[in-house]
């Protein structure tokens, strides 16, 4: 814990960077500039919504290839060699 306290004490003793004096004005200038920019029109959003709708409908309407999965043993051995199967085989 004393390492953190020593580091904070060194940080408190350091001088402040002079560039920080103008940071408020720079941030507010960028916020004002962003407010003056031209937003995207409604037609751009309409086109994006139409493209998303067409893509969604096409992906569900067009038939895809049938997927067939073969059973895979999760640990590399076949389930017939599992201890429970080997113990119950004698009954």
C-alpha atoms as a PDB file:
ATOM      1  CA  UNK A   1       0.000   0.000   0.000  1.00  0.00           C
ATOM      2  CA  UNK A   2       2.898   2.359   0.591  1.00  0.00           C
ATOM      3  CA  UNK A   3       3.918   2.046  -3.074  1.00  0.00           C
ATOM      4  CA  UNK A   4       0.563   3.456  -4.154  1.00  0.00           C
ATOM      5  CA  UNK A   5       0.786   6.238  -1.617  1.00  0.00           C
ATOM      6  CA  UNK A   6       4.302   7.115  -2.767  1.00  0.00           C
ATOM      7  CA  UNK A   7       3.235   7.107  -6.422  1.00  0.00           C
ATOM      8  CA  UNK A   8       0.282   9.377  -5.665  1.00  0.00           C
ATOM      9  CA  UNK A   9       2.526  11.724  -3.703  1.00  0.00           C
ATOM     10  CA  UNK A  10       4.950  11.942  -6.660  1.00  0.00           C
ATOM     11  CA  UNK A  11       2.041  12.586  -9.016  1.00  0.00           C
ATOM     12  CA  UNK A  12       0.716  15.339  -6.748  1.00  0.00           C
ATOM     13  CA  UNK A  13       4.152  16.984  -6.648  1.00  0.00           C
ATOM     14  CA  UNK A  14       4.489  17.084 -10.457  1.00  0.00           C
ATOM     15  CA  UNK A  15       3.705  20.308 -12.286  1.00  0.00           C
ATOM     16  CA  UNK A  16       0.606  20.595 -14.443  1.00  0.00           C
ATOM     17  CA  UNK A  17       1.090  20.413 -18.200  1.00  0.00           C
ATOM     18  CA  UNK A  18       0.528  23.907 -19.673  1.00  0.00           C
ATOM     19  CA  UNK A  19      -1.464  22.462 -22.602  1.00  0.00           C
ATOM     20  CA  UNK A  20      -4.277  21.625 -20.172  1.00  0.00           C
ATOM     21  CA  UNK A  21      -5.129  25.335 -19.874  1.00  0.00           C
ATOM     22  CA  UNK A  22      -6.625  25.378 -23.378  1.00  0.00           C
ATOM     23  CA  UNK A  23      -8.361  21.995 -23.319  1.00  0.00           C
ATOM     24  CA  UNK A  24     -11.782  23.375 -22.342  1.00  0.00           C
ATOM     25  CA  UNK A  25     -11.869  25.771 -25.275  1.00  0.00           C
ATOM     26  CA  UNK A  26     -10.741  23.073 -27.712  1.00  0.00           C
ATOM     27  CA  UNK A  27     -13.417  20.628 -26.547  1.00  0.00           C
ATOM     28  CA  UNK A  28     -16.180  23.216 -26.710  1.00  0.00           C
ATOM     29  CA  UNK A  29     -15.026  24.296 -30.185  1.00  0.00           C
ATOM     30  CA  UNK A  30     -15.251  20.698 -31.445  1.00  0.00           C
ATOM     31  CA  UNK A  31     -18.719  20.274 -29.905  1.00  0.00           C
ATOM     32  CA  UNK A  32     -19.880  23.454 -31.659  1.00  0.00           C
ATOM     33  CA  UNK A  33     -18.346  22.319 -34.959  1.00  0.00           C
ATOM     34  CA  UNK A  34     -20.107  18.964 -34.694  1.00  0.00           C
ATOM     35  CA  UNK A  35     -23.401  20.766 -34.134  1.00  0.00           C
ATOM     36  CA  UNK A  36     -22.946  22.740 -37.367  1.00  0.00           C
ATOM     37  CA  UNK A  37     -22.291  19.634 -39.475  1.00  0.00           C
ATOM     38  CA  UNK A  38     -24.965  18.344 -41.834  1.00  0.00           C
ATOM     39  CA  UNK A  39     -26.750  15.244 -40.579  1.00  0.00           C
ATOM     40  CA  UNK A  40     -27.618  12.399 -42.922  1.00  0.00           C
ATOM     41  CA  UNK A  41     -30.877  12.821 -44.764  1.00  0.00           C
ATOM     42  CA  UNK A  42     -33.973  10.717 -44.250  1.00  0.00           C
ATOM     43  CA  UNK A  43     -33.496   9.112 -47.662  1.00  0.00           C
ATOM     44  CA  UNK A  44     -30.161   7.640 -46.565  1.00  0.00           C
ATOM     45  CA  UNK A  45     -31.792   6.102 -43.497  1.00  0.00           C
ATOM     46  CA  UNK A  46     -34.707   4.890 -45.615  1.00  0.00           C
ATOM     47  CA  UNK A  47     -32.352   3.222 -48.062  1.00  0.00           C
ATOM     48  CA  UNK A  48     -30.458   1.539 -45.210  1.00  0.00           C
ATOM     49  CA  UNK A  49     -33.719   0.275 -43.696  1.00  0.00           C
ATOM     50  CA  UNK A  50     -34.905  -1.024 -47.074  1.00  0.00           C
ATOM     51  CA  UNK A  51     -31.587  -2.795 -47.683  1.00  0.00           C
ATOM     52  CA  UNK A  52     -31.762  -4.424 -44.240  1.00  0.00           C
ATOM     53  CA  UNK A  53     -35.352  -5.509 -44.844  1.00  0.00           C
ATOM     54  CA  UNK A  54     -34.573  -7.008 -48.269  1.00  0.00           C
ATOM     55  CA  UNK A  55     -31.514  -8.801 -46.895  1.00  0.00           C
ATOM     56  CA  UNK A  56     -33.506 -10.244 -43.995  1.00  0.00           C
ATOM     57  CA  UNK A  57     -36.369 -11.447 -46.152  1.00  0.00           C
ATOM     58  CA  UNK A  58     -34.036 -12.900 -48.783  1.00  0.00           C
ATOM     59  CA  UNK A  59     -32.001 -14.774 -46.192  1.00  0.00           C
ATOM     60  CA  UNK A  60     -35.096 -16.486 -44.804  1.00  0.00           C
ATOM     61  CA  UNK A  61     -36.982 -16.997 -48.068  1.00  0.00           C
ATOM     62  CA  UNK A  62     -34.220 -18.574 -50.130  1.00  0.00           C
ATOM     63  CA  UNK A  63     -33.676 -22.228 -49.260  1.00  0.00           C
ATOM     64  CA  UNK A  64     -30.242 -23.108 -48.041  1.00  0.00           C
ATOM     65  CA  UNK A  65     -28.350 -26.369 -48.242  1.00  0.00           C
ATOM     66  CA  UNK A  66     -29.462 -28.930 -45.708  1.00  0.00           C
ATOM     67  CA  UNK A  67     -27.012 -29.258 -42.883  1.00  0.00           C
ATOM     68  CA  UNK A  68     -26.085 -32.696 -41.712  1.00  0.00           C
ATOM     69  CA  UNK A  69     -23.968 -33.159 -38.649  1.00  0.00           C
ATOM     70  CA  UNK A  70     -22.381 -36.384 -37.609  1.00  0.00           C
ATOM     71  CA  UNK A  71     -22.114 -37.035 -33.893  1.00  0.00           C
ATOM     72  CA  UNK A  72     -18.741 -36.040 -32.567  1.00  0.00           C
ATOM     73  CA  UNK A  73     -17.272 -37.340 -29.346  1.00  0.00           C
ATOM     74  CA  UNK A  74     -16.323 -34.315 -27.246  1.00  0.00           C
ATOM     75  CA  UNK A  75     -13.197 -35.857 -25.734  1.00  0.00           C
ATOM     76  CA  UNK A  76     -11.906 -37.806 -28.703  1.00  0.00           C
ATOM     77  CA  UNK A  77     -13.224 -41.247 -27.782  1.00  0.00           C
ATOM     78  CA  UNK A  78     -16.375 -42.830 -29.067  1.00  0.00           C
ATOM     79  CA  UNK A  79     -19.342 -43.002 -26.660  1.00  0.00           C
ATOM     80  CA  UNK A  80     -19.277 -46.814 -26.788  1.00  0.00           C
ATOM     81  CA  UNK A  81     -15.995 -46.760 -24.893  1.00  0.00           C
ATOM     82  CA  UNK A  82     -17.319 -44.586 -22.084  1.00  0.00           C
ATOM     83  CA  UNK A  83     -16.935 -46.147 -18.618  1.00  0.00           C
ATOM     84  CA  UNK A  84     -20.693 -46.201 -18.057  1.00  0.00           C
ATOM     85  CA  UNK A  85     -21.225 -48.124 -21.305  1.00  0.00           C
ATOM     86  CA  UNK A  86     -18.439 -50.602 -20.505  1.00  0.00           C
ATOM     87  CA  UNK A  87     -19.747 -51.291 -16.995  1.00  0.00           C
ATOM     88  CA  UNK A  88     -23.345 -51.804 -18.103  1.00  0.00           C
ATOM     89  CA  UNK A  89     -22.336 -54.146 -20.955  1.00  0.00           C
ATOM     90  CA  UNK A  90     -21.913 -57.113 -18.578  1.00  0.00           C
ATOM     91  CA  UNK A  91     -25.507 -56.999 -17.357  1.00  0.00           C
END
